[in-house]
C-alpha atoms as a PDB file:
ATOM      1  CA  MET A   1      22.352  69.299  14.695  1.00  0.00           C
ATOM      2  CA  THR A   2      22.759  72.916  16.324  1.00  0.00           C
ATOM      3  CA  ARG A   3      21.623  76.113  14.794  1.00  0.00           C
ATOM      4  CA  MET A   4      25.090  77.186  14.199  1.00  0.00           C
ATOM      5  CA  ALA A   5      26.023  73.708  12.634  1.00  0.00           C
ATOM      6  CA  ARG A   6      22.969  73.976  10.252  1.00  0.00           C
ATOM      7  CA  ALA A   7      24.070  77.441   9.239  1.00  0.00           C
ATOM      8  CA  ARG A   8      27.717  76.228   8.648  1.00  0.00           C
ATOM      9  CA  GLU A   9      26.496  73.375   6.439  1.00  0.00           C
ATOM     10  CA  ALA A  10      24.027  75.502   4.464  1.00  0.00           C
ATOM     11  CA  TRP A  11      26.587  78.099   3.749  1.00  0.00           C
ATOM     12  CA  ARG A  12      29.077  75.582   2.308  1.00  0.00           C
ATOM     13  CA  ALA A  13      26.579  73.830   0.250  1.00  0.00           C
ATOM     14  CA  LEU A  14      25.463  76.978  -1.024  1.00  0.00           C
ATOM     15  CA  HIS A  15      28.618  78.386  -2.075  1.00  0.00           C
ATOM     16  CA  LYS A  16      30.242  74.962  -2.882  1.00  0.00           C
ATOM     17  CA  LEU A  17      32.865  75.061  -0.396  1.00  0.00           C
ATOM     18  CA  ASP A  18      34.733  71.841   0.761  1.00  0.00           C
ATOM     19  CA  SER A  19      35.210  70.986   4.513  1.00  0.00           C
ATOM     20  CA  SER A  20      38.424  72.574   4.559  1.00  0.00           C
ATOM     21  CA  ALA A  21      37.771  76.020   3.134  1.00  0.00           C
ATOM     22  CA  PRO A  22      37.328  78.858   5.465  1.00  0.00           C
ATOM     23  CA  LEU A  23      33.943  80.138   6.001  1.00  0.00           C
ATOM     24  CA  TRP A  24      34.263  82.068   9.478  1.00  0.00           C
ATOM     25  CA  TYR A  25      36.643  83.480  12.018  1.00  0.00           C
ATOM     26  CA  ASP A  26      36.882  83.996  15.794  1.00  0.00           C
ATOM     27  CA  THR A  27      37.396  87.607  16.588  1.00  0.00           C
ATOM     28  CA  ALA A  28      40.033  88.178  19.125  1.00  0.00           C
ATOM     29  CA  SER A  29      37.410  90.564  21.199  1.00  0.00           C
ATOM     30  CA  ASN A  30      34.860  87.887  21.144  1.00  0.00           C
ATOM     31  CA  PRO A  31      35.963  84.104  20.729  1.00  0.00           C
ATOM     32  CA  CYS A  32      32.371  83.241  20.399  1.00  0.00           C
ATOM     33  CA  SER A  33      31.694  85.565  17.418  1.00  0.00           C
ATOM     34  CA  ILE A  34      31.350  84.078  13.970  1.00  0.00           C
ATOM     35  CA  GLU A  35      31.294  86.089  10.850  1.00  0.00           C
ATOM     36  CA  PHE A  36      30.179  84.471   7.486  1.00  0.00           C
ATOM     37  CA  VAL A  37      31.210  85.521   3.897  1.00  0.00           C
ATOM     38  CA  MET A  38      28.365  87.725   2.567  1.00  0.00           C
ATOM     39  CA  ARG A  39      27.534  87.316  -1.171  1.00  0.00           C
ATOM     40  CA  PHE A  40      25.639  89.466  -3.791  1.00  0.00           C
ATOM     41  CA  ARG A  41      22.905  87.440  -5.216  1.00  0.00           C
ATOM     42  CA  PRO A  42      21.311  88.182  -8.492  1.00  0.00           C
ATOM     43  CA  CYS A  43      17.912  88.206  -9.705  1.00  0.00           C
ATOM     44  CA  ILE A  44      15.581  87.890 -12.727  1.00  0.00           C
ATOM     45  CA  ASP A  45      12.179  89.234 -11.996  1.00  0.00           C
ATOM     46  CA  LEU A  46       9.577  88.206 -14.945  1.00  0.00           C
ATOM     47  CA  ARG A  47       6.228  89.892 -15.871  1.00  0.00           C
ATOM     48  CA  ASP A  48       4.445  88.946 -18.963  1.00  0.00           C
ATOM     49  CA  GLY A  49       7.403  86.986 -20.047  1.00  0.00           C
ATOM     50  CA  ARG A  50       9.996  89.565 -19.905  1.00  0.00           C
ATOM     51  CA  VAL A  51      12.755  90.729 -17.490  1.00  0.00           C
ATOM     52  CA  VAL A  52      11.550  93.594 -15.541  1.00  0.00           C
ATOM     53  CA  GLN A  53      12.003  95.648 -12.414  1.00  0.00           C
ATOM     54  CA  ILE A  54       8.918  96.932 -10.372  1.00  0.00           C
ATOM     55  CA  VAL A  55       8.140  98.741  -7.211  1.00  0.00           C
ATOM     56  CA  GLY A  56       7.105  95.606  -5.401  1.00  0.00           C
ATOM     57  CA  GLY A  57       4.591  96.884  -3.193  1.00  0.00           C
ATOM     58  CA  THR A  58       2.433  98.088  -6.363  1.00  0.00           C
ATOM     59  CA  LEU A  59       2.045  94.691  -7.796  1.00  0.00           C
ATOM     60  CA  GLN A  60      -1.640  93.919  -8.227  1.00  0.00           C
ATOM     61  CA  ASP A  61      -4.264  92.462 -10.833  1.00  0.00           C
ATOM     62  CA  ASP A  62      -4.933  96.271 -12.098  1.00  0.00           C
ATOM     63  CA  ALA A  63      -1.751  96.367 -14.323  1.00  0.00           C
ATOM     64  CA  SER A  64      -2.294 100.141 -14.708  1.00  0.00           C
ATOM     65  CA  ARG A  65      -1.552 100.776 -11.230  1.00  0.00           C
ATOM     66  CA  VAL A  66       1.819  98.684 -11.124  1.00  0.00           C
ATOM     67  CA  VAL A  67       4.885 100.975 -10.997  1.00  0.00           C
ATOM     68  CA  THR A  68       7.377  99.733 -13.478  1.00  0.00           C
ATOM     69  CA  ASN A  69      11.011 100.752 -13.269  1.00  0.00           C
ATOM     70  CA  PHE A  70      12.507  98.825 -16.069  1.00  0.00           C
ATOM     71  CA  VAL A  71      11.552  96.524 -18.898  1.00  0.00           C
ATOM     72  CA  SER A  72      14.442  94.679 -20.688  1.00  0.00           C
ATOM     73  CA  ASP A  73      14.882  93.942 -24.433  1.00  0.00           C
ATOM     74  CA  ARG A  74      17.480  91.161 -23.271  1.00  0.00           C
ATOM     75  CA  SER A  75      16.159  87.658 -22.699  1.00  0.00           C
ATOM     76  CA  PRO A  76      15.941  85.797 -19.272  1.00  0.00           C
ATOM     77  CA  ALA A  77      18.480  83.543 -20.702  1.00  0.00           C
ATOM     78  CA  ASP A  78      20.834  86.327 -21.589  1.00  0.00           C
ATOM     79  CA  TYR A  79      20.827  87.462 -17.814  1.00  0.00           C
ATOM     80  CA  ALA A  80      21.106  83.821 -16.483  1.00  0.00           C
ATOM     81  CA  HIS A  81      24.455  83.430 -18.755  1.00  0.00           C
ATOM     82  CA  LEU A  82      25.550  86.558 -17.269  1.00  0.00           C
ATOM     83  CA  TYR A  83      25.366  85.376 -13.704  1.00  0.00           C
ATOM     84  CA  GLN A  84      26.813  82.053 -14.825  1.00  0.00           C
ATOM     85  CA  ARG A  85      29.755  83.781 -16.364  1.00  0.00           C
ATOM     86  CA  ASP A  86      30.460  85.575 -13.005  1.00  0.00           C
ATOM     87  CA  ALA A  87      30.076  82.603 -11.040  1.00  0.00           C
ATOM     88  CA  LEU A  88      27.055  83.943  -8.936  1.00  0.00           C
ATOM     89  CA  THR A  89      25.231  81.517  -7.099  1.00  0.00           C
ATOM     90  CA  GLY A  90      22.030  81.387  -5.196  1.00  0.00           C
ATOM     91  CA  GLY A  91      20.274  84.060  -7.323  1.00  0.00           C
ATOM     92  CA  HIS A  92      16.375  84.029  -7.831  1.00  0.00           C
ATOM     93  CA  VAL A  93      13.988  84.088 -10.643  1.00  0.00           C
ATOM     94  CA  ILE A  94      10.498  85.293  -9.572  1.00  0.00           C
ATOM     95  CA  ALA A  95       7.511  85.073 -11.629  1.00  0.00           C
ATOM     96  CA  LEU A  96       5.248  88.194 -11.009  1.00  0.00           C
ATOM     97  CA  GLY A  97       1.877  86.974 -12.082  1.00  0.00           C
ATOM     98  CA  PRO A  98       0.765  84.408 -14.755  1.00  0.00           C
ATOM     99  CA  GLY A  99       2.304  84.364 -18.395  1.00  0.00           C
ATOM    100  CA  ASN A 100       5.931  83.698 -17.047  1.00  0.00           C
ATOM    101  CA  HIS A 101       6.068  80.063 -17.284  1.00  0.00           C
ATOM    102  CA  GLU A 102       8.127  79.590 -20.653  1.00  0.00           C
ATOM    103  CA  ALA A 103      10.495  82.440 -19.684  1.00  0.00           C
ATOM    104  CA  ALA A 104      11.139  81.046 -16.299  1.00  0.00           C
ATOM    105  CA  LEU A 105      12.172  77.818 -17.778  1.00  0.00           C
ATOM    106  CA  GLU A 106      14.290  79.447 -20.385  1.00  0.00           C
ATOM    107  CA  ALA A 107      16.395  81.135 -17.641  1.00  0.00           C
ATOM    108  CA  LEU A 108      16.635  77.748 -15.494  1.00  0.00           C
ATOM    109  CA  ARG A 109      17.880  75.856 -18.312  1.00  0.00           C
ATOM    110  CA  ALA A 110      20.466  78.672 -19.154  1.00  0.00           C
ATOM    111  CA  TYR A 111      22.125  78.113 -15.629  1.00  0.00           C
ATOM    112  CA  PRO A 112      21.272  74.810 -14.470  1.00  0.00           C
ATOM    113  CA  GLY A 113      21.638  74.757 -10.587  1.00  0.00           C
ATOM    114  CA  GLY A 114      22.597  78.455 -10.207  1.00  0.00           C
ATOM    115  CA  LEU A 115      19.037  79.953  -9.526  1.00  0.00           C
ATOM    116  CA  GLN A 116      16.032  79.548  -7.374  1.00  0.00           C
ATOM    117  CA  MET A 117      12.586  79.646  -8.636  1.00  0.00           C
ATOM    118  CA  GLY A 118       9.546  81.383  -7.140  1.00  0.00           C
ATOM    119  CA  GLY A 119       6.228  82.642  -7.957  1.00  0.00           C
ATOM    120  CA  GLY A 120       3.168  80.392  -7.841  1.00  0.00           C
ATOM    121  CA  ILE A 121       4.831  77.561  -6.732  1.00  0.00           C
ATOM    122  CA  THR A 122       2.869  74.409  -5.278  1.00  0.00           C
ATOM    123  CA  PRO A 123       3.759  70.646  -4.338  1.00  0.00           C
ATOM    124  CA  ASP A 124       2.080  70.010  -7.837  1.00  0.00           C
ATOM    125  CA  ASN A 125       4.154  72.177 -10.107  1.00  0.00           C
ATOM    126  CA  ALA A 126       7.407  72.498  -8.133  1.00  0.00           C
ATOM    127  CA  HIS A 127       9.224  69.620  -9.774  1.00  0.00           C
ATOM    128  CA  ILE A 128       8.742  71.106 -13.195  1.00  0.00           C
ATOM    129  CA  TYR A 129      10.991  73.847 -12.227  1.00  0.00           C
ATOM    130  CA  LEU A 130      13.532  71.709 -10.148  1.00  0.00           C
ATOM    131  CA  ASP A 131      13.571  69.316 -13.207  1.00  0.00           C
ATOM    132  CA  ALA A 132      14.439  72.319 -15.520  1.00  0.00           C
ATOM    133  CA  GLY A 133      17.544  73.322 -13.223  1.00  0.00           C
ATOM    134  CA  ALA A 134      16.255  75.315 -10.465  1.00  0.00           C
ATOM    135  CA  SER A 135      18.348  74.626  -7.073  1.00  0.00           C
ATOM    136  CA  HIS A 136      15.551  75.397  -4.842  1.00  0.00           C
ATOM    137  CA  VAL A 137      11.816  76.396  -5.320  1.00  0.00           C
ATOM    138  CA  ILE A 138      10.815  79.750  -3.154  1.00  0.00           C
ATOM    139  CA  VAL A 139       7.276  79.825  -1.535  1.00  0.00           C
ATOM    140  CA  THR A 140       5.257  82.309   0.253  1.00  0.00           C
ATOM    141  CA  SER A 141       1.518  82.480  -0.511  1.00  0.00           C
ATOM    142  CA  TYR A 142       0.900  78.990  -0.809  1.00  0.00           C
ATOM    143  CA  ILE A 143       1.785  78.252   2.844  1.00  0.00           C
ATOM    144  CA  PHE A 144      -0.684  80.842   4.170  1.00  0.00           C
ATOM    145  CA  GLN A 145      -4.538  80.862   4.106  1.00  0.00           C
ATOM    146  CA  GLN A 146      -6.558  83.882   4.889  1.00  0.00           C
ATOM    147  CA  GLY A 147      -3.589  85.309   6.384  1.00  0.00           C
ATOM    148  CA  GLN A 148      -2.428  82.375   8.507  1.00  0.00           C
ATOM    149  CA  LEU A 149       0.435  80.109   8.426  1.00  0.00           C
ATOM    150  CA  ASP A 150      -1.057  76.740   7.241  1.00  0.00           C
ATOM    151  CA  THR A 151       1.316  74.034   8.827  1.00  0.00           C
ATOM    152  CA  ALA A 152      -0.158  71.352   6.759  1.00  0.00           C
ATOM    153  CA  ARG A 153       0.587  72.952   3.487  1.00  0.00           C
ATOM    154  CA  LEU A 154       4.129  73.803   4.635  1.00  0.00           C
ATOM    155  CA  LYS A 155       4.480  69.957   5.367  1.00  0.00           C
ATOM    156  CA  ALA A 156       2.988  69.006   1.952  1.00  0.00           C
ATOM    157  CA  LEU A 157       5.581  71.309   0.341  1.00  0.00           C
ATOM    158  CA  ARG A 158       8.448  70.395   2.194  1.00  0.00           C
ATOM    159  CA  ASP A 159       7.543  66.596   1.777  1.00  0.00           C
ATOM    160  CA  ALA A 160       7.306  67.063  -1.907  1.00  0.00           C
ATOM    161  CA  VAL A 161      10.464  68.833  -2.714  1.00  0.00           C
ATOM    162  CA  GLY A 162      12.613  67.939   0.448  1.00  0.00           C
ATOM    163  CA  ARG A 163      13.699  70.557   2.881  1.00  0.00           C
ATOM    164  CA  GLU A 164      17.084  70.951   1.311  1.00  0.00           C
ATOM    165  CA  ARG A 165      15.354  72.338  -1.982  1.00  0.00           C
ATOM    166  CA  LEU A 166      12.874  74.767  -0.444  1.00  0.00           C
ATOM    167  CA  VAL A 167      13.292  78.494   0.342  1.00  0.00           C
ATOM    168  CA  LEU A 168      10.557  80.438   2.289  1.00  0.00           C
ATOM    169  CA  ASP A 169       9.999  83.900   1.253  1.00  0.00           C
ATOM    170  CA  LEU A 170       9.175  86.005   4.637  1.00  0.00           C
ATOM    171  CA  SER A 171       9.141  89.237   2.702  1.00  0.00           C
ATOM    172  CA  CYS A 172       7.477  91.868   5.100  1.00  0.00           C
ATOM    173  CA  ARG A 173       6.328  95.298   6.002  1.00  0.00           C
ATOM    174  CA  ARG A 174       6.584  97.005   9.144  1.00  0.00           C
ATOM    175  CA  ARG A 175       3.433  97.703  11.253  1.00  0.00           C
ATOM    176  CA  ASP A 176       3.326  99.007  14.997  1.00  0.00           C
ATOM    177  CA  GLY A 177       7.042  98.753  15.180  1.00  0.00           C
ATOM    178  CA  SER A 178       7.451  95.039  13.971  1.00  0.00           C
ATOM    179  CA  TYR A 179       7.859  93.274  10.713  1.00  0.00           C
ATOM    180  CA  TRP A 180       4.863  91.123   9.560  1.00  0.00           C
ATOM    181  CA  VAL A 181       5.171  88.767   6.667  1.00  0.00           C
ATOM    182  CA  VAL A 182       3.027  89.869   3.882  1.00  0.00           C
ATOM    183  CA  THR A 183       1.392  87.464   1.339  1.00  0.00           C
ATOM    184  CA  ASP A 184      -0.864  87.601  -1.754  1.00  0.00           C
ATOM    185  CA  ARG A 185       1.409  89.788  -3.853  1.00  0.00           C
ATOM    186  CA  TRP A 186       2.518  91.583  -0.611  1.00  0.00           C
ATOM    187  CA  GLN A 187      -0.760  93.327  -0.359  1.00  0.00           C
ATOM    188  CA  ARG A 188      -2.074  91.334   2.626  1.00  0.00           C
ATOM    189  CA  PHE A 189      -0.710  91.269   6.223  1.00  0.00           C
ATOM    190  CA  SER A 190      -0.338  87.831   7.667  1.00  0.00           C
ATOM    191  CA  ASP A 191      -0.563  87.128  11.410  1.00  0.00           C
ATOM    192  CA  LEU A 192       3.029  85.970  11.403  1.00  0.00           C
ATOM    193  CA  LYS A 193       5.629  88.222  13.166  1.00  0.00           C
ATOM    194  CA  LEU A 194       9.326  88.209  11.758  1.00  0.00           C
ATOM    195  CA  THR A 195      10.992  87.144  15.316  1.00  0.00           C
ATOM    196  CA  PRO A 196      13.914  85.091  16.179  1.00  0.00           C
ATOM    197  CA  ALA A 197      11.282  82.416  17.392  1.00  0.00           C
ATOM    198  CA  THR A 198       9.664  82.473  13.939  1.00  0.00           C
ATOM    199  CA  LEU A 199      12.888  81.949  12.062  1.00  0.00           C
ATOM    200  CA  GLU A 200      13.996  79.134  14.485  1.00  0.00           C
ATOM    201  CA  TYR A 201      10.724  77.494  13.972  1.00  0.00           C
ATOM    202  CA  LEU A 202      10.623  77.770  10.089  1.00  0.00           C
ATOM    203  CA  ALA A 203      14.207  76.608   9.940  1.00  0.00           C
ATOM    204  CA  GLU A 204      13.153  73.332  10.498  1.00  0.00           C
ATOM    205  CA  SER A 205      11.279  73.061   7.041  1.00  0.00           C
ATOM    206  CA  CYS A 206      13.425  74.925   4.660  1.00  0.00           C
ATOM    207  CA  ASP A 207      17.131  75.420   3.584  1.00  0.00           C
ATOM    208  CA  GLU A 208      17.205  79.157   3.257  1.00  0.00           C
ATOM    209  CA  PHE A 209      15.048  82.509   3.665  1.00  0.00           C
ATOM    210  CA  LEU A 210      14.370  85.278   1.242  1.00  0.00           C
ATOM    211  CA  VAL A 211      13.270  88.537   2.787  1.00  0.00           C
ATOM    212  CA  HIS A 212      12.274  91.595   0.854  1.00  0.00           C
ATOM    213  CA  GLY A 213      11.951  94.666   2.730  1.00  0.00           C
ATOM    214  CA  VAL A 214       8.522  95.529   0.985  1.00  0.00           C
ATOM    215  CA  ASP A 215       8.226  99.282   1.909  1.00  0.00           C
ATOM    216  CA  VAL A 216      11.404 100.133   0.075  1.00  0.00           C
ATOM    217  CA  GLU A 217      11.539  97.505  -2.563  1.00  0.00           C
ATOM    218  CA  GLY A 218      12.141  98.806  -5.988  1.00  0.00           C
ATOM    219  CA  LEU A 219      12.268 102.499  -4.653  1.00  0.00           C
ATOM    220  CA  ARG A 220      16.167 102.949  -4.214  1.00  0.00           C
ATOM    221  CA  LEU A 221      15.815 104.592  -1.014  1.00  0.00           C
ATOM    222  CA  GLY A 222      18.377 102.518   0.991  1.00  0.00           C
ATOM    223  CA  ILE A 223      17.848  99.305   2.932  1.00  0.00           C
ATOM    224  CA  GLU A 224      15.723  98.617   6.015  1.00  0.00           C
ATOM    225  CA  HIS A 225      18.308  98.844   8.595  1.00  0.00           C
ATOM    226  CA  ALA A 226      16.519  97.351  11.539  1.00  0.00           C
ATOM    227  CA  LEU A 227      15.211  94.503   9.143  1.00  0.00           C
ATOM    228  CA  VAL A 228      18.753  93.320   8.215  1.00  0.00           C
ATOM    229  CA  GLU A 229      20.023  93.696  11.922  1.00  0.00           C
ATOM    230  CA  LEU A 230      17.265  91.311  12.927  1.00  0.00           C
ATOM    231  CA  LEU A 231      18.206  88.879  10.324  1.00  0.00           C
ATOM    232  CA  GLY A 232      21.806  89.043  10.823  1.00  0.00           C
ATOM    233  CA  GLU A 233      21.160  88.446  14.655  1.00  0.00           C
ATOM    234  CA  SER A 234      18.566  85.788  14.432  1.00  0.00           C
ATOM    235  CA  SER A 235      18.490  83.746  11.352  1.00  0.00           C
ATOM    236  CA  PRO A 236      19.704  80.259  11.689  1.00  0.00           C
ATOM    237  CA  LEU A 237      20.015  79.642   8.092  1.00  0.00           C
ATOM    238  CA  PRO A 238      21.292  81.449   4.978  1.00  0.00           C
ATOM    239  CA  VAL A 239      19.099  84.549   4.491  1.00  0.00           C
ATOM    240  CA  THR A 240      19.149  86.869   1.256  1.00  0.00           C
ATOM    241  CA  TYR A 241      17.623  90.413   1.968  1.00  0.00           C
ATOM    242  CA  ALA A 242      16.266  92.540  -0.995  1.00  0.00           C
ATOM    243  CA  GLY A 243      14.853  96.004  -0.906  1.00  0.00           C
ATOM    244  CA  GLY A 244      16.260  99.454  -1.419  1.00  0.00           C
ATOM    245  CA  ALA A 245      19.820  98.938  -2.051  1.00  0.00           C
ATOM    246  CA  ARG A 246      21.420 101.460  -4.498  1.00  0.00           C
ATOM    247  CA  THR A 247      25.007 102.005  -3.888  1.00  0.00           C
ATOM    248  CA  LEU A 248      28.408  99.793  -3.250  1.00  0.00           C
ATOM    249  CA  ASP A 249      28.015 101.528   0.333  1.00  0.00           C
ATOM    250  CA  ASP A 250      24.951  99.448   0.856  1.00  0.00           C
ATOM    251  CA  LEU A 251      26.720  96.358   0.312  1.00  0.00           C
ATOM    252  CA  GLU A 252      29.065  97.273   2.976  1.00  0.00           C
ATOM    253  CA  LEU A 253      26.210  98.206   5.171  1.00  0.00           C
ATOM    254  CA  VAL A 254      24.496  94.984   4.857  1.00  0.00           C
ATOM    255  CA  LYS A 255      27.731  93.356   5.626  1.00  0.00           C
ATOM    256  CA  GLN A 256      28.141  95.159   8.924  1.00  0.00           C
ATOM    257  CA  LEU A 257      24.503  95.173   9.972  1.00  0.00           C
ATOM    258  CA  GLY A 258      24.038  91.502   8.909  1.00  0.00           C
ATOM    259  CA  ARG A 259      27.134  90.573  10.572  1.00  0.00           C
ATOM    260  CA  GLY A 260      28.290  89.182   7.249  1.00  0.00           C
ATOM    261  CA  ARG A 261      25.500  86.463   7.434  1.00  0.00           C
ATOM    262  CA  VAL A 262      23.019  88.436   5.244  1.00  0.00           C
ATOM    263  CA  ASP A 263      23.228  88.241   1.567  1.00  0.00           C
ATOM    264  CA  LEU A 264      21.963  90.939  -0.586  1.00  0.00           C
ATOM    265  CA  THR A 265      20.154  91.156  -3.761  1.00  0.00           C
ATOM    266  CA  ILE A 266      20.406  94.540  -5.605  1.00  0.00           C
ATOM    267  CA  GLY A 267      17.867  95.049  -8.616  1.00  0.00           C
ATOM    268  CA  SER A 268      16.458  98.265 -10.144  1.00  0.00           C
ATOM    269  CA  ALA A 269      19.743 100.265  -9.076  1.00  0.00           C
ATOM    270  CA  LEU A 270      21.917  98.093 -11.214  1.00  0.00           C
ATOM    271  CA  ASP A 271      22.652  99.443 -14.645  1.00  0.00           C
ATOM    272  CA  ILE A 272      21.854  95.968 -16.275  1.00  0.00           C
ATOM    273  CA  PHE A 273      18.361  97.094 -14.957  1.00  0.00           C
ATOM    274  CA  GLY A 274      18.436 100.802 -16.094  1.00  0.00           C
ATOM    275  CA  GLY A 275      19.959 102.027 -12.904  1.00  0.00           C
ATOM    276  CA  THR A 276      23.035 103.875 -12.182  1.00  0.00           C
ATOM    277  CA  LEU A 277      25.182 101.287 -10.210  1.00  0.00           C
ATOM    278  CA  PRO A 278      27.341  99.647 -12.583  1.00  0.00           C
ATOM    279  CA  TYR A 279      27.012  95.797 -12.271  1.00  0.00           C
ATOM    280  CA  ALA A 280      30.753  95.657 -13.090  1.00  0.00           C
ATOM    281  CA  ASP A 281      31.558  97.312  -9.763  1.00  0.00           C
ATOM    282  CA  VAL A 282      29.382  95.046  -7.753  1.00  0.00           C
ATOM    283  CA  ILE A 283      31.038  91.788  -9.166  1.00  0.00           C
ATOM    284  CA  ALA A 284      34.553  93.423  -8.306  1.00  0.00           C
ATOM    285  CA  TRP A 285      33.092  93.923  -4.814  1.00  0.00           C
ATOM    286  CA  GLN A 286      32.038  90.564  -4.835  1.00  0.00           C
ATOM    287  CA  ARG A 287      35.448  89.135  -5.810  1.00  0.00           C
ATOM    288  CA  ARG A 288      37.335  91.194  -3.209  1.00  0.00           C
ATOM    289  CA  GLN A 289      35.188  89.307  -0.568  1.00  0.00           C
ATOM    290  CA  SER A 290      35.774  86.024  -2.006  1.00  0.00           C
ATOM    291  CA  SER A 291      39.717  86.705  -1.871  1.00  0.00           C
ATOM    292  CA  SER A 292      39.854  88.601   1.376  1.00  0.00           C
END
């Protein structure tokens, strides 16, 4: 199967589209150009069993040094039901450290098939979350050892859950003009540079990519333009970008820079997480994309 055929197949499955539903169009100026339908993807970040929003690059063992933007009084299930009500698919539940197992299961069971699960995933525990209702499991640190990609671990995980239920988190930071995957709570630079060749190689082992722009994650400073462009030009699979989004204009910007092929997660900026961007406005934007 060709790269573009894999992308078409994966996008249809993600958005529950049948084979007759329009997914892309050929532009008059460039008949070979393909534009996919961009989506907003929601999130439920968990710390100590509660829904939170943090500055991602500050996450570490020393709790006093973690910068927290928001702690919710609402349960994980409340957020899951909200996303289910608004027909949002492909969102993610992320466990930020230990103490989140039951909270994660609560969210997954509230919206079966609608959410992915990440944080501490291994071949031994992945099926607990899949059986609870996760559509996919998301993995970063497990497939790296001492900053190097461990292909044996990647194969073991793919064999355990199936390529079609695995998302690789390639969250990255910029160094020397390039983006490098970071692991171990985003504190360690790996030796894996995010390039078209890297994405093509890893696409053989997973169904989607999740990429946080760690340098702007949780800061509401705007998106990483160059990173979104790289993903839009090079990803052979569905890919979700997160980090820095703060306005509706950022949705339009990701749509443009990502060629409509990069989905966007917004966290701290949303009013449901203590921010100023109305969640209702984002949902209205999403519905306009679906109807256009």
